[in-house]
Every structure is written in structure tokens, then in C-alpha cells.
Amino acid sequence: MFDVRCPGIVSRFSFAEGKPGPYEQIVGNLPVRVVSPSLQKFKNQVDALRQSVVMLAINEGTASAPKRAGHAMAVSGYGRITRGLTSLNCIVVHDGWSDEAFINYDFQGFMDKNGVFM
């Protein structure tokens, strides 16, 4: 069903109720969500020129009163940043608020990591 207020928005249908929906007309593969995807998974997507989105969350609160804050970003590349003996394994993202950013994918402070792969 199309939302008459905004024709670009498609409402979800309840398949449990047996209602037909626009999902029957999807061509191609549906995106796949992966919990805690490896850096290599994103590298493979970039190398194959396939799209992916990373969702990362950090704790903006305290250990005793955590406050989850997260963001979803399109992945456009990967790389390693090295300074002296220290190296960071990074994904390159576009977050919609700025230009490209390098995210240290090995950062231990993430509360969770998720990916969507198309």
C-alpha cells in the first residue's frame, strides 16, 4: 500500500493476515543484516562493488548507567592507518553529516556492531 501523503513511502504489510503487498514485486536480492560482522566482510563488499551499511553504538553514559548512542553509515572503503608501530584497521564511511570518515573498526568501546549487506 502506498502512503497517499508521500507516494515514495511504502507501508509494510502483515503477511500473517494474508494481505498481498508490494514485496511480491521485488527484483534482486534482499539486504542481509549481520550481527557483529567482521572487517573482512566489509572489505569483501567494497572489493565486489556491493553496498553495505554499518551500524555502530557506543556508551555515552557510565558503566553503571549506560546510555547507548548509535549511528548508521554507508561504507565506501577500507584502509589501514599506521603511525610508528601503531596501526588502525579502518572502514571508510559516509555518515550523511560530513565527508568521508575513517572509523577504527577494532575500537574496543563499541557496545555493538551490525551490518547490512546488499
PDB file of N, CA and C in Angstrom:
ATOM      1  N   MET A   1       0.846  -1.164   0.000  1.00  0.00           N
ATOM      2  CA  MET A   1       0.000   0.000   0.000  1.00  0.00           C
ATOM      3  C   MET A   1       0.899   1.237   0.000  1.00  0.00           C
ATOM      4  N   PHE A   2       0.568   2.188  -0.821  1.00  0.00           N
ATOM      5  CA  PHE A   2       1.329   3.424  -0.893  1.00  0.00           C
ATOM      6  C   PHE A   2       0.689   4.468   0.012  1.00  0.00           C
ATOM      7  N   ASP A   3       1.497   5.216   0.694  1.00  0.00           N
ATOM      8  CA  ASP A   3       1.030   6.280   1.566  1.00  0.00           C
ATOM      9  C   ASP A   3       0.654   7.471   0.687  1.00  0.00           C
ATOM     10  N   VAL A   4      -0.593   7.907   0.739  1.00  0.00           N
ATOM     11  CA  VAL A   4      -1.059   8.988  -0.130  1.00  0.00           C
ATOM     12  C   VAL A   4      -0.412  10.325   0.211  1.00  0.00           C
ATOM     13  N   ARG A   5       0.096  10.472   1.442  1.00  0.00           N
ATOM     14  CA  ARG A   5       0.751  11.720   1.835  1.00  0.00           C
ATOM     15  C   ARG A   5       2.134  11.824   1.202  1.00  0.00           C
ATOM     16  N   CYS A   6       2.744  10.696   0.931  1.00  0.00           N
ATOM     17  CA  CYS A   6       4.081  10.677   0.341  1.00  0.00           C
ATOM     18  C   CYS A   6       4.208   9.417  -0.502  1.00  0.00           C
ATOM     19  N   PRO A   7       3.983   9.509  -1.812  1.00  0.00           N
ATOM     20  CA  PRO A   7       3.971   8.320  -2.667  1.00  0.00           C
ATOM     21  C   PRO A   7       5.270   7.517  -2.645  1.00  0.00           C
ATOM     22  N   GLY A   8       6.376   8.117  -2.187  1.00  0.00           N
ATOM     23  CA  GLY A   8       7.632   7.385  -2.145  1.00  0.00           C
ATOM     24  C   GLY A   8       7.748   6.448  -0.967  1.00  0.00           C
ATOM     25  N   ILE A   9       6.816   6.532  -0.023  1.00  0.00           N
ATOM     26  CA  ILE A   9       6.873   5.670   1.160  1.00  0.00           C
ATOM     27  C   ILE A   9       5.912   4.503   0.960  1.00  0.00           C
ATOM     28  N   VAL A  10       6.417   3.311   1.145  1.00  0.00           N
ATOM     29  CA  VAL A  10       5.605   2.110   1.010  1.00  0.00           C
ATOM     30  C   VAL A  10       5.366   1.550   2.405  1.00  0.00           C
ATOM     31  N   SER A  11       4.113   1.350   2.754  1.00  0.00           N
ATOM     32  CA  SER A  11       3.783   0.797   4.063  1.00  0.00           C
ATOM     33  C   SER A  11       4.070  -0.696   4.090  1.00  0.00           C
ATOM     34  N   ARG A  12       4.372  -1.202   5.279  1.00  0.00           N
ATOM     35  CA  ARG A  12       4.594  -2.640   5.431  1.00  0.00           C
ATOM     36  C   ARG A  12       3.250  -3.356   5.514  1.00  0.00           C
ATOM     37  N   PHE A  13       3.247  -4.602   5.093  1.00  0.00           N
ATOM     38  CA  PHE A  13       2.041  -5.399   5.140  1.00  0.00           C
ATOM     39  C   PHE A  13       2.211  -6.527   6.129  1.00  0.00           C
ATOM     40  N   SER A  14       1.137  -6.953   6.693  1.00  0.00           N
ATOM     41  CA  SER A  14       1.159  -8.084   7.600  1.00  0.00           C
ATOM     42  C   SER A  14       0.931  -9.360   6.798  1.00  0.00           C
ATOM     43  N   PHE A  15       2.007 -10.116   6.588  1.00  0.00           N
ATOM     44  CA  PHE A  15       1.864 -11.363   5.848  1.00  0.00           C
ATOM     45  C   PHE A  15       1.064 -12.377   6.668  1.00  0.00           C
ATOM     46  N   ALA A  16       1.071 -12.195   7.995  1.00  0.00           N
ATOM     47  CA  ALA A  16       0.297 -13.097   8.845  1.00  0.00           C
ATOM     48  C   ALA A  16      -1.185 -12.979   8.552  1.00  0.00           C
ATOM     49  N   GLU A  17      -1.606 -11.787   8.109  1.00  0.00           N
ATOM     50  CA  GLU A  17      -3.014 -11.584   7.788  1.00  0.00           C
ATOM     51  C   GLU A  17      -3.321 -11.949   6.336  1.00  0.00           C
ATOM     52  N   GLY A  18      -2.315 -12.365   5.601  1.00  0.00           N
ATOM     53  CA  GLY A  18      -2.526 -12.796   4.233  1.00  0.00           C
ATOM     54  C   GLY A  18      -2.765 -11.683   3.244  1.00  0.00           C
ATOM     55  N   LYS A  19      -2.375 -10.464   3.593  1.00  0.00           N
ATOM     56  CA  LYS A  19      -2.588  -9.341   2.678  1.00  0.00           C
ATOM     57  C   LYS A  19      -1.448  -9.288   1.660  1.00  0.00           C
ATOM     58  N   PRO A  20      -1.781  -9.146   0.385  1.00  0.00           N
ATOM     59  CA  PRO A  20      -0.723  -9.017  -0.618  1.00  0.00           C
ATOM     60  C   PRO A  20      -0.025  -7.676  -0.463  1.00  0.00           C
ATOM     61  N   GLY A  21       1.195  -7.604  -0.905  1.00  0.00           N
ATOM     62  CA  GLY A  21       1.923  -6.355  -0.759  1.00  0.00           C
ATOM     63  C   GLY A  21       2.922  -6.119  -1.866  1.00  0.00           C
ATOM     64  N   PRO A  22       3.515  -4.965  -1.864  1.00  0.00           N
ATOM     65  CA  PRO A  22       4.481  -4.615  -2.901  1.00  0.00           C
ATOM     66  C   PRO A  22       5.745  -5.468  -2.844  1.00  0.00           C
ATOM     67  N   TYR A  23       5.973  -6.178  -1.702  1.00  0.00           N
ATOM     68  CA  TYR A  23       7.169  -7.001  -1.603  1.00  0.00           C
ATOM     69  C   TYR A  23       7.173  -8.144  -2.615  1.00  0.00           C
ATOM     70  N   GLU A  24       6.024  -8.473  -3.140  1.00  0.00           N
ATOM     71  CA  GLU A  24       5.949  -9.525  -4.146  1.00  0.00           C
ATOM     72  C   GLU A  24       6.604  -9.096  -5.451  1.00  0.00           C
ATOM     73  N   GLN A  25       6.891  -7.811  -5.601  1.00  0.00           N
ATOM     74  CA  GLN A  25       7.428  -7.292  -6.845  1.00  0.00           C
ATOM     75  C   GLN A  25       8.920  -6.967  -6.755  1.00  0.00           C
ATOM     76  N   ILE A  26       9.577  -7.352  -5.664  1.00  0.00           N
ATOM     77  CA  ILE A  26      10.999  -7.056  -5.501  1.00  0.00           C
ATOM     78  C   ILE A  26      11.805  -7.860  -6.508  1.00  0.00           C
ATOM     79  N   VAL A  27      12.727  -7.186  -7.168  1.00  0.00           N
ATOM     80  CA  VAL A  27      13.624  -7.838  -8.114  1.00  0.00           C
ATOM     81  C   VAL A  27      15.025  -7.799  -7.508  1.00  0.00           C
ATOM     82  N   GLY A  28      15.713  -8.913  -7.524  1.00  0.00           N
ATOM     83  CA  GLY A  28      17.063  -8.952  -6.961  1.00  0.00           C
ATOM     84  C   GLY A  28      17.059  -9.505  -5.557  1.00  0.00           C
ATOM     85  N   ASN A  29      18.199  -9.381  -4.901  1.00  0.00           N
ATOM     86  CA  ASN A  29      18.361  -9.928  -3.562  1.00  0.00           C
ATOM     87  C   ASN A  29      17.994  -8.904  -2.504  1.00  0.00           C
ATOM     88  N   LEU A  30      17.380  -9.372  -1.431  1.00  0.00           N
ATOM     89  CA  LEU A  30      17.080  -8.509  -0.309  1.00  0.00           C
ATOM     90  C   LEU A  30      18.339  -8.311   0.533  1.00  0.00           C
ATOM     91  N   PRO A  31      18.474  -7.181   1.208  1.00  0.00           N
ATOM     92  CA  PRO A  31      19.618  -6.969   2.092  1.00  0.00           C
ATOM     93  C   PRO A  31      19.641  -7.993   3.220  1.00  0.00           C
ATOM     94  N   VAL A  32      20.833  -8.292   3.705  1.00  0.00           N
ATOM     95  CA  VAL A  32      21.009  -9.242   4.791  1.00  0.00           C
ATOM     96  C   VAL A  32      21.640  -8.513   5.967  1.00  0.00           C
ATOM     97  N   ARG A  33      21.027  -8.615   7.151  1.00  0.00           N
ATOM     98  CA  ARG A  33      21.579  -7.995   8.365  1.00  0.00           C
ATOM     99  C   ARG A  33      22.452  -9.011   9.079  1.00  0.00           C
ATOM    100  N   VAL A  34      23.649  -8.575   9.483  1.00  0.00           N
ATOM    101  CA  VAL A  34      24.600  -9.441  10.170  1.00  0.00           C
ATOM    102  C   VAL A  34      24.979  -8.783  11.487  1.00  0.00           C
ATOM    103  N   VAL A  35      24.895  -9.543  12.583  1.00  0.00           N
ATOM    104  CA  VAL A  35      25.313  -9.066  13.893  1.00  0.00           C
ATOM    105  C   VAL A  35      26.811  -9.321  14.040  1.00  0.00           C
ATOM    106  N   SER A  36      27.536  -8.314  14.477  1.00  0.00           N
ATOM    107  CA  SER A  36      28.996  -8.388  14.681  1.00  0.00           C
ATOM    108  C   SER A  36      29.747  -8.867  13.438  1.00  0.00           C
ATOM    109  N   PRO A  37      29.538  -8.219  12.301  1.00  0.00           N
ATOM    110  CA  PRO A  37      30.246  -8.643  11.089  1.00  0.00           C
ATOM    111  C   PRO A  37      31.751  -8.357  11.200  1.00  0.00           C
ATOM    112  N   SER A  38      32.519  -9.175  10.547  1.00  0.00           N
ATOM    113  CA  SER A  38      33.968  -8.982  10.549  1.00  0.00           C
ATOM    114  C   SER A  38      34.358  -7.832   9.621  1.00  0.00           C
ATOM    115  N   LEU A  39      35.540  -7.306   9.851  1.00  0.00           N
ATOM    116  CA  LEU A  39      36.076  -6.295   8.943  1.00  0.00           C
ATOM    117  C   LEU A  39      36.204  -6.881   7.540  1.00  0.00           C
ATOM    118  N   GLN A  40      36.583  -8.146   7.461  1.00  0.00           N
ATOM    119  CA  GLN A  40      36.746  -8.796   6.158  1.00  0.00           C
ATOM    120  C   GLN A  40      35.445  -8.816   5.364  1.00  0.00           C
ATOM    121  N   LYS A  41      34.314  -8.937   6.052  1.00  0.00           N
ATOM    122  CA  LYS A  41      33.005  -8.919   5.373  1.00  0.00           C
ATOM    123  C   LYS A  41      32.809  -7.582   4.646  1.00  0.00           C
ATOM    124  N   PHE A  42      33.156  -6.461   5.312  1.00  0.00           N
ATOM    125  CA  PHE A  42      33.038  -5.158   4.663  1.00  0.00           C
ATOM    126  C   PHE A  42      34.050  -5.025   3.525  1.00  0.00           C
ATOM    127  N   LYS A  43      35.264  -5.521   3.728  1.00  0.00           N
ATOM    128  CA  LYS A  43      36.280  -5.476   2.668  1.00  0.00           C
ATOM    129  C   LYS A  43      35.801  -6.220   1.426  1.00  0.00           C
ATOM    130  N   ASN A  44      35.214  -7.390   1.633  1.00  0.00           N
ATOM    131  CA  ASN A  44      34.705  -8.186   0.502  1.00  0.00           C
ATOM    132  C   ASN A  44      33.625  -7.426  -0.255  1.00  0.00           C
ATOM    133  N   GLN A  45      32.749  -6.743   0.465  1.00  0.00           N
ATOM    134  CA  GLN A  45      31.687  -5.966  -0.178  1.00  0.00           C
ATOM    135  C   GLN A  45      32.271  -4.834  -1.021  1.00  0.00           C
ATOM    136  N   VAL A  46      33.220  -4.105  -0.456  1.00  0.00           N
ATOM    137  CA  VAL A  46      33.834  -2.990  -1.178  1.00  0.00           C
ATOM    138  C   VAL A  46      34.543  -3.502  -2.424  1.00  0.00           C
ATOM    139  N   ASP A  47      35.320  -4.574  -2.271  1.00  0.00           N
ATOM    140  CA  ASP A  47      36.067  -5.122  -3.402  1.00  0.00           C
ATOM    141  C   ASP A  47      35.150  -5.616  -4.525  1.00  0.00           C
ATOM    142  N   ALA A  48      33.955  -6.086  -4.140  1.00  0.00           N
ATOM    143  CA  ALA A  48      32.994  -6.580  -5.137  1.00  0.00           C
ATOM    144  C   ALA A  48      32.062  -5.474  -5.631  1.00  0.00           C
ATOM    145  N   LEU A  49      32.309  -4.231  -5.201  1.00  0.00           N
ATOM    146  CA  LEU A  49      31.488  -3.068  -5.578  1.00  0.00           C
ATOM    147  C   LEU A  49      30.029  -3.243  -5.172  1.00  0.00           C
ATOM    148  N   ARG A  50      29.822  -3.893  -4.014  1.00  0.00           N
ATOM    149  CA  ARG A  50      28.475  -4.061  -3.464  1.00  0.00           C
ATOM    150  C   ARG A  50      28.298  -3.119  -2.281  1.00  0.00           C
ATOM    151  N   GLN A  51      27.071  -2.710  -2.040  1.00  0.00           N
ATOM    152  CA  GLN A  51      26.762  -1.752  -0.988  1.00  0.00           C
ATOM    153  C   GLN A  51      26.693  -2.427   0.378  1.00  0.00           C
ATOM    154  N   SER A  52      27.064  -1.655   1.404  1.00  0.00           N
ATOM    155  CA  SER A  52      26.878  -2.109   2.776  1.00  0.00           C
ATOM    156  C   SER A  52      26.702  -0.905   3.680  1.00  0.00           C
ATOM    157  N   VAL A  53      26.067  -1.168   4.802  1.00  0.00           N
ATOM    158  CA  VAL A  53      25.828  -0.145   5.815  1.00  0.00           C
ATOM    159  C   VAL A  53      26.309  -0.711   7.138  1.00  0.00           C
ATOM    160  N   VAL A  54      27.050   0.097   7.897  1.00  0.00           N
ATOM    161  CA  VAL A  54      27.495  -0.305   9.225  1.00  0.00           C
ATOM    162  C   VAL A  54      26.698   0.479  10.263  1.00  0.00           C
ATOM    163  N   MET A  55      26.313  -0.203  11.336  1.00  0.00           N
ATOM    164  CA  MET A  55      25.615   0.428  12.447  1.00  0.00           C
ATOM    165  C   MET A  55      26.452   0.182  13.693  1.00  0.00           C
ATOM    166  N   LEU A  56      26.909   1.263  14.320  1.00  0.00           N
ATOM    167  CA  LEU A  56      27.788   1.167  15.472  1.00  0.00           C
ATOM    168  C   LEU A  56      27.162   1.893  16.651  1.00  0.00           C
ATOM    169  N   ALA A  57      27.398   1.368  17.849  1.00  0.00           N
ATOM    170  CA  ALA A  57      26.877   2.012  19.055  1.00  0.00           C
ATOM    171  C   ALA A  57      27.981   2.108  20.095  1.00  0.00           C
ATOM    172  N   ILE A  58      27.985   3.229  20.800  1.00  0.00           N
ATOM    173  CA  ILE A  58      28.918   3.438  21.899  1.00  0.00           C
ATOM    174  C   ILE A  58      28.121   3.779  23.158  1.00  0.00           C
ATOM    175  N   ASN A  59      28.782   3.718  24.303  1.00  0.00           N
ATOM    176  CA  ASN A  59      28.165   4.075  25.567  1.00  0.00           C
ATOM    177  C   ASN A  59      28.507   5.523  25.885  1.00  0.00           C
ATOM    178  N   GLU A  60      27.512   6.387  25.883  1.00  0.00           N
ATOM    179  CA  GLU A  60      27.720   7.788  26.242  1.00  0.00           C
ATOM    180  C   GLU A  60      27.411   8.031  27.711  1.00  0.00           C
ATOM    181  N   GLY A  61      27.094   6.983  28.429  1.00  0.00           N
ATOM    182  CA  GLY A  61      26.821   7.094  29.859  1.00  0.00           C
ATOM    183  C   GLY A  61      28.001   6.573  30.661  1.00  0.00           C
ATOM    184  N   THR A  62      27.689   5.896  31.731  1.00  0.00           N
ATOM    185  CA  THR A  62      28.713   5.305  32.588  1.00  0.00           C
ATOM    186  C   THR A  62      28.535   3.795  32.598  1.00  0.00           C
ATOM    187  N   ALA A  63      29.480   3.101  33.223  1.00  0.00           N
ATOM    188  CA  ALA A  63      29.376   1.642  33.309  1.00  0.00           C
ATOM    189  C   ALA A  63      28.145   1.234  34.109  1.00  0.00           C
ATOM    190  N   SER A  64      27.822   2.005  35.154  1.00  0.00           N
ATOM    191  CA  SER A  64      26.670   1.655  35.989  1.00  0.00           C
ATOM    192  C   SER A  64      25.348   2.179  35.420  1.00  0.00           C
ATOM    193  N   ALA A  65      25.412   3.186  34.567  1.00  0.00           N
ATOM    194  CA  ALA A  65      24.202   3.747  33.944  1.00  0.00           C
ATOM    195  C   ALA A  65      24.486   3.967  32.463  1.00  0.00           C
ATOM    196  N   PRO A  66      24.543   2.862  31.692  1.00  0.00           N
ATOM    197  CA  PRO A  66      24.882   3.009  30.272  1.00  0.00           C
ATOM    198  C   PRO A  66      23.815   3.770  29.495  1.00  0.00           C
ATOM    199  N   LYS A  67      24.274   4.485  28.494  1.00  0.00           N
ATOM    200  CA  LYS A  67      23.380   5.215  27.595  1.00  0.00           C
ATOM    201  C   LYS A  67      23.867   4.936  26.175  1.00  0.00           C
ATOM    202  N   ARG A  68      23.116   4.100  25.477  1.00  0.00           N
ATOM    203  CA  ARG A  68      23.501   3.680  24.135  1.00  0.00           C
ATOM    204  C   ARG A  68      23.240   4.797  23.139  1.00  0.00           C
ATOM    205  N   ALA A  69      24.234   5.081  22.300  1.00  0.00           N
ATOM    206  CA  ALA A  69      24.093   6.039  21.209  1.00  0.00           C
ATOM    207  C   ALA A  69      24.667   5.392  19.963  1.00  0.00           C
ATOM    208  N   GLY A  70      23.915   5.421  18.890  1.00  0.00           N
ATOM    209  CA  GLY A  70      24.382   4.749  17.686  1.00  0.00           C
ATOM    210  C   GLY A  70      24.087   5.540  16.429  1.00  0.00           C
ATOM    211  N   HIS A  71      24.641   5.018  15.340  1.00  0.00           N
ATOM    212  CA  HIS A  71      24.512   5.703  14.059  1.00  0.00           C
ATOM    213  C   HIS A  71      24.701   4.678  12.945  1.00  0.00           C
ATOM    214  N   ALA A  72      24.000   4.852  11.849  1.00  0.00           N
ATOM    215  CA  ALA A  72      24.159   4.005  10.664  1.00  0.00           C
ATOM    216  C   ALA A  72      24.850   4.811   9.582  1.00  0.00           C
ATOM    217  N   MET A  73      25.814   4.182   8.894  1.00  0.00           N
ATOM    218  CA  MET A  73      26.607   4.890   7.891  1.00  0.00           C
ATOM    219  C   MET A  73      26.875   3.983   6.693  1.00  0.00           C
ATOM    220  N   ALA A  74      26.866   4.558   5.506  1.00  0.00           N
ATOM    221  CA  ALA A  74      27.214   3.821   4.291  1.00  0.00           C
ATOM    222  C   ALA A  74      28.721   3.584   4.260  1.00  0.00           C
ATOM    223  N   VAL A  75      29.116   2.371   3.932  1.00  0.00           N
ATOM    224  CA  VAL A  75      30.541   2.023   3.853  1.00  0.00           C
ATOM    225  C   VAL A  75      31.000   2.190   2.405  1.00  0.00           C
ATOM    226  N   SER A  76      32.097   2.942   2.225  1.00  0.00           N
ATOM    227  CA  SER A  76      32.591   3.177   0.866  1.00  0.00           C
ATOM    228  C   SER A  76      34.012   2.669   0.649  1.00  0.00           C
ATOM    229  N   GLY A  77      34.673   2.202   1.696  1.00  0.00           N
ATOM    230  CA  GLY A  77      36.033   1.715   1.528  1.00  0.00           C
ATOM    231  C   GLY A  77      36.610   1.206   2.827  1.00  0.00           C
ATOM    232  N   TYR A  78      37.895   0.892   2.794  1.00  0.00           N
ATOM    233  CA  TYR A  78      38.600   0.436   3.984  1.00  0.00           C
ATOM    234  C   TYR A  78      40.070   0.787   3.833  1.00  0.00           C
ATOM    235  N   GLY A  79      40.788   0.722   4.923  1.00  0.00           N
ATOM    236  CA  GLY A  79      42.209   1.015   4.873  1.00  0.00           C
ATOM    237  C   GLY A  79      42.859   0.808   6.219  1.00  0.00           C
ATOM    238  N   ARG A  80      44.163   0.936   6.239  1.00  0.00           N
ATOM    239  CA  ARG A  80      44.931   0.817   7.472  1.00  0.00           C
ATOM    240  C   ARG A  80      45.694   2.114   7.668  1.00  0.00           C
ATOM    241  N   ILE A  81      45.533   2.699   8.818  1.00  0.00           N
ATOM    242  CA  ILE A  81      46.263   3.912   9.173  1.00  0.00           C
ATOM    243  C   ILE A  81      47.397   3.492  10.103  1.00  0.00           C
ATOM    244  N   THR A  82      48.616   3.847   9.742  1.00  0.00           N
ATOM    245  CA  THR A  82      49.784   3.456  10.535  1.00  0.00           C
ATOM    246  C   THR A  82      50.565   4.687  10.948  1.00  0.00           C
ATOM    247  N   ARG A  83      50.943   4.703  12.209  1.00  0.00           N
ATOM    248  CA  ARG A  83      51.805   5.759  12.743  1.00  0.00           C
ATOM    249  C   ARG A  83      52.792   5.090  13.698  1.00  0.00           C
ATOM    250  N   GLY A  84      54.041   5.075  13.288  1.00  0.00           N
ATOM    251  CA  GLY A  84      55.045   4.370  14.082  1.00  0.00           C
ATOM    252  C   GLY A  84      54.741   2.886  14.104  1.00  0.00           C
ATOM    253  N   LEU A  85      54.619   2.326  15.282  1.00  0.00           N
ATOM    254  CA  LEU A  85      54.320   0.898  15.428  1.00  0.00           C
ATOM    255  C   LEU A  85      52.834   0.624  15.623  1.00  0.00           C
ATOM    256  N   THR A  86      52.029   1.674  15.598  1.00  0.00           N
ATOM    257  CA  THR A  86      50.589   1.525  15.821  1.00  0.00           C
ATOM    258  C   THR A  86      49.841   1.553  14.497  1.00  0.00           C
ATOM    259  N   SER A  87      48.936   0.575  14.314  1.00  0.00           N
ATOM    260  CA  SER A  87      48.101   0.515  13.113  1.00  0.00           C
ATOM    261  C   SER A  87      46.636   0.425  13.509  1.00  0.00           C
ATOM    262  N   LEU A  88      45.794   1.088  12.752  1.00  0.00           N
ATOM    263  CA  LEU A  88      44.351   1.016  12.947  1.00  0.00           C
ATOM    264  C   LEU A  88      43.716   0.444  11.694  1.00  0.00           C
ATOM    265  N   ASN A  89      42.903  -0.586  11.857  1.00  0.00           N
ATOM    266  CA  ASN A  89      42.139  -1.146  10.740  1.00  0.00           C
ATOM    267  C   ASN A  89      40.830  -0.371  10.647  1.00  0.00           C
ATOM    268  N   CYS A  90      40.630   0.300   9.528  1.00  0.00           N
ATOM    269  CA  CYS A  90      39.505   1.230   9.400  1.00  0.00           C
ATOM    270  C   CYS A  90      38.562   0.858   8.264  1.00  0.00           C
ATOM    271  N   ILE A  91      37.319   1.273   8.443  1.00  0.00           N
ATOM    272  CA  ILE A  91      36.379   1.304   7.332  1.00  0.00           C
ATOM    273  C   ILE A  91      36.168   2.779   7.011  1.00  0.00           C
ATOM    274  N   VAL A  92      35.928   3.070   5.758  1.00  0.00           N
ATOM    275  CA  VAL A  92      35.659   4.432   5.318  1.00  0.00           C
ATOM    276  C   VAL A  92      34.146   4.548   5.166  1.00  0.00           C
ATOM    277  N   VAL A  93      33.565   5.549   5.816  1.00  0.00           N
ATOM    278  CA  VAL A  93      32.112   5.686   5.821  1.00  0.00           C
ATOM    279  C   VAL A  93      31.696   7.087   5.394  1.00  0.00           C
ATOM    280  N   HIS A  94      30.457   7.183   4.951  1.00  0.00           N
ATOM    281  CA  HIS A  94      29.774   8.458   4.732  1.00  0.00           C
ATOM    282  C   HIS A  94      28.620   8.458   5.719  1.00  0.00           C
ATOM    283  N   ASP A  95      28.627   9.409   6.642  1.00  0.00           N
ATOM    284  CA  ASP A  95      27.597   9.384   7.677  1.00  0.00           C
ATOM    285  C   ASP A  95      26.441  10.331   7.412  1.00  0.00           C
ATOM    286  N   GLY A  96      26.471  11.046   6.306  1.00  0.00           N
ATOM    287  CA  GLY A  96      25.375  11.953   5.980  1.00  0.00           C
ATOM    288  C   GLY A  96      25.513  13.324   6.608  1.00  0.00           C
ATOM    289  N   TRP A  97      26.445  13.488   7.537  1.00  0.00           N
ATOM    290  CA  TRP A  97      26.637  14.778   8.194  1.00  0.00           C
ATOM    291  C   TRP A  97      27.950  15.424   7.799  1.00  0.00           C
ATOM    292  N   SER A  98      28.847  14.643   7.216  1.00  0.00           N
ATOM    293  CA  SER A  98      30.153  15.179   6.839  1.00  0.00           C
ATOM    294  C   SER A  98      30.684  14.397   5.644  1.00  0.00           C
ATOM    295  N   ASP A  99      31.898  14.718   5.255  1.00  0.00           N
ATOM    296  CA  ASP A  99      32.533  13.969   4.175  1.00  0.00           C
ATOM    297  C   ASP A  99      32.961  12.603   4.695  1.00  0.00           C
ATOM    298  N   GLU A 100      33.794  11.947   3.942  1.00  0.00           N
ATOM    299  CA  GLU A 100      34.267  10.625   4.363  1.00  0.00           C
ATOM    300  C   GLU A 100      34.929  10.679   5.735  1.00  0.00           C
ATOM    301  N   ALA A 101      34.730   9.623   6.487  1.00  0.00           N
ATOM    302  CA  ALA A 101      35.368   9.494   7.796  1.00  0.00           C
ATOM    303  C   ALA A 101      35.966   8.097   7.898  1.00  0.00           C
ATOM    304  N   PHE A 102      37.069   7.988   8.604  1.00  0.00           N
ATOM    305  CA  PHE A 102      37.702   6.702   8.860  1.00  0.00           C
ATOM    306  C   PHE A 102      37.312   6.260  10.267  1.00  0.00           C
ATOM    307  N   ILE A 103      36.758   5.061  10.384  1.00  0.00           N
ATOM    308  CA  ILE A 103      36.336   4.512  11.672  1.00  0.00           C
ATOM    309  C   ILE A 103      37.261   3.355  12.029  1.00  0.00           C
ATOM    310  N   ASN A 104      37.874   3.420  13.205  1.00  0.00           N
ATOM    311  CA  ASN A 104      38.703   2.314  13.684  1.00  0.00           C
ATOM    312  C   ASN A 104      37.778   1.150  14.032  1.00  0.00           C
ATOM    313  N   TYR A 105      37.739   0.142  13.158  1.00  0.00           N
ATOM    314  CA  TYR A 105      36.791  -0.951  13.342  1.00  0.00           C
ATOM    315  C   TYR A 105      37.178  -1.858  14.503  1.00  0.00           C
ATOM    316  N   ASP A 106      38.415  -1.783  14.953  1.00  0.00           N
ATOM    317  CA  ASP A 106      38.878  -2.600  16.076  1.00  0.00           C
ATOM    318  C   ASP A 106      38.661  -1.919  17.431  1.00  0.00           C
ATOM    319  N   PHE A 107      38.070  -0.727  17.425  1.00  0.00           N
ATOM    320  CA  PHE A 107      37.825   0.006  18.670  1.00  0.00           C
ATOM    321  C   PHE A 107      37.069  -0.886  19.654  1.00  0.00           C
ATOM    322  N   GLN A 108      37.602  -1.012  20.864  1.00  0.00           N
ATOM    323  CA  GLN A 108      37.022  -1.916  21.867  1.00  0.00           C
ATOM    324  C   GLN A 108      35.823  -1.325  22.599  1.00  0.00           C
ATOM    325  N   GLY A 109      35.554  -0.041  22.395  1.00  0.00           N
ATOM    326  CA  GLY A 109      34.472   0.614  23.111  1.00  0.00           C
ATOM    327  C   GLY A 109      33.099   0.524  22.468  1.00  0.00           C
ATOM    328  N   PHE A 110      32.982  -0.149  21.319  1.00  0.00           N
ATOM    329  CA  PHE A 110      31.653  -0.290  20.713  1.00  0.00           C
ATOM    330  C   PHE A 110      30.794  -1.197  21.571  1.00  0.00           C
ATOM    331  N   MET A 111      29.565  -0.780  21.826  1.00  0.00           N
ATOM    332  CA  MET A 111      28.622  -1.635  22.547  1.00  0.00           C
ATOM    333  C   MET A 111      28.148  -2.762  21.628  1.00  0.00           C
ATOM    334  N   ASP A 112      27.970  -2.423  20.362  1.00  0.00           N
ATOM    335  CA  ASP A 112      27.595  -3.426  19.373  1.00  0.00           C
ATOM    336  C   ASP A 112      27.946  -2.936  17.985  1.00  0.00           C
ATOM    337  N   LYS A 113      28.059  -3.886  17.068  1.00  0.00           N
ATOM    338  CA  LYS A 113      28.309  -3.621  15.648  1.00  0.00           C
ATOM    339  C   LYS A 113      27.324  -4.452  14.853  1.00  0.00           C
ATOM    340  N   ASN A 114      26.727  -3.846  13.844  1.00  0.00           N
ATOM    341  CA  ASN A 114      25.830  -4.555  12.942  1.00  0.00           C
ATOM    342  C   ASN A 114      26.123  -4.096  11.519  1.00  0.00           C
ATOM    343  N   GLY A 115      25.786  -4.912  10.566  1.00  0.00           N
ATOM    344  CA  GLY A 115      25.969  -4.564   9.177  1.00  0.00           C
ATOM    345  C   GLY A 115      24.798  -5.011   8.342  1.00  0.00           C
ATOM    346  N   VAL A 116      24.547  -4.273   7.283  1.00  0.00           N
ATOM    347  CA  VAL A 116      23.556  -4.675   6.282  1.00  0.00           C
ATOM    348  C   VAL A 116      24.302  -4.776   4.959  1.00  0.00           C
ATOM    349  N   PHE A 117      24.153  -5.916   4.305  1.00  0.00           N
ATOM    350  CA  PHE A 117      24.909  -6.201   3.082  1.00  0.00           C
ATOM    351  C   PHE A 117      23.944  -6.484   1.940  1.00  0.00           C
ATOM    352  N   MET A 118      24.195  -5.782   0.818  1.00  0.00           N
ATOM    353  CA  MET A 118      23.309  -5.909  -0.340  1.00  0.00           C
ATOM    354  C   MET A 118      24.053  -6.527  -1.498  1.00  0.00           C
TER     355      MET A 118
END
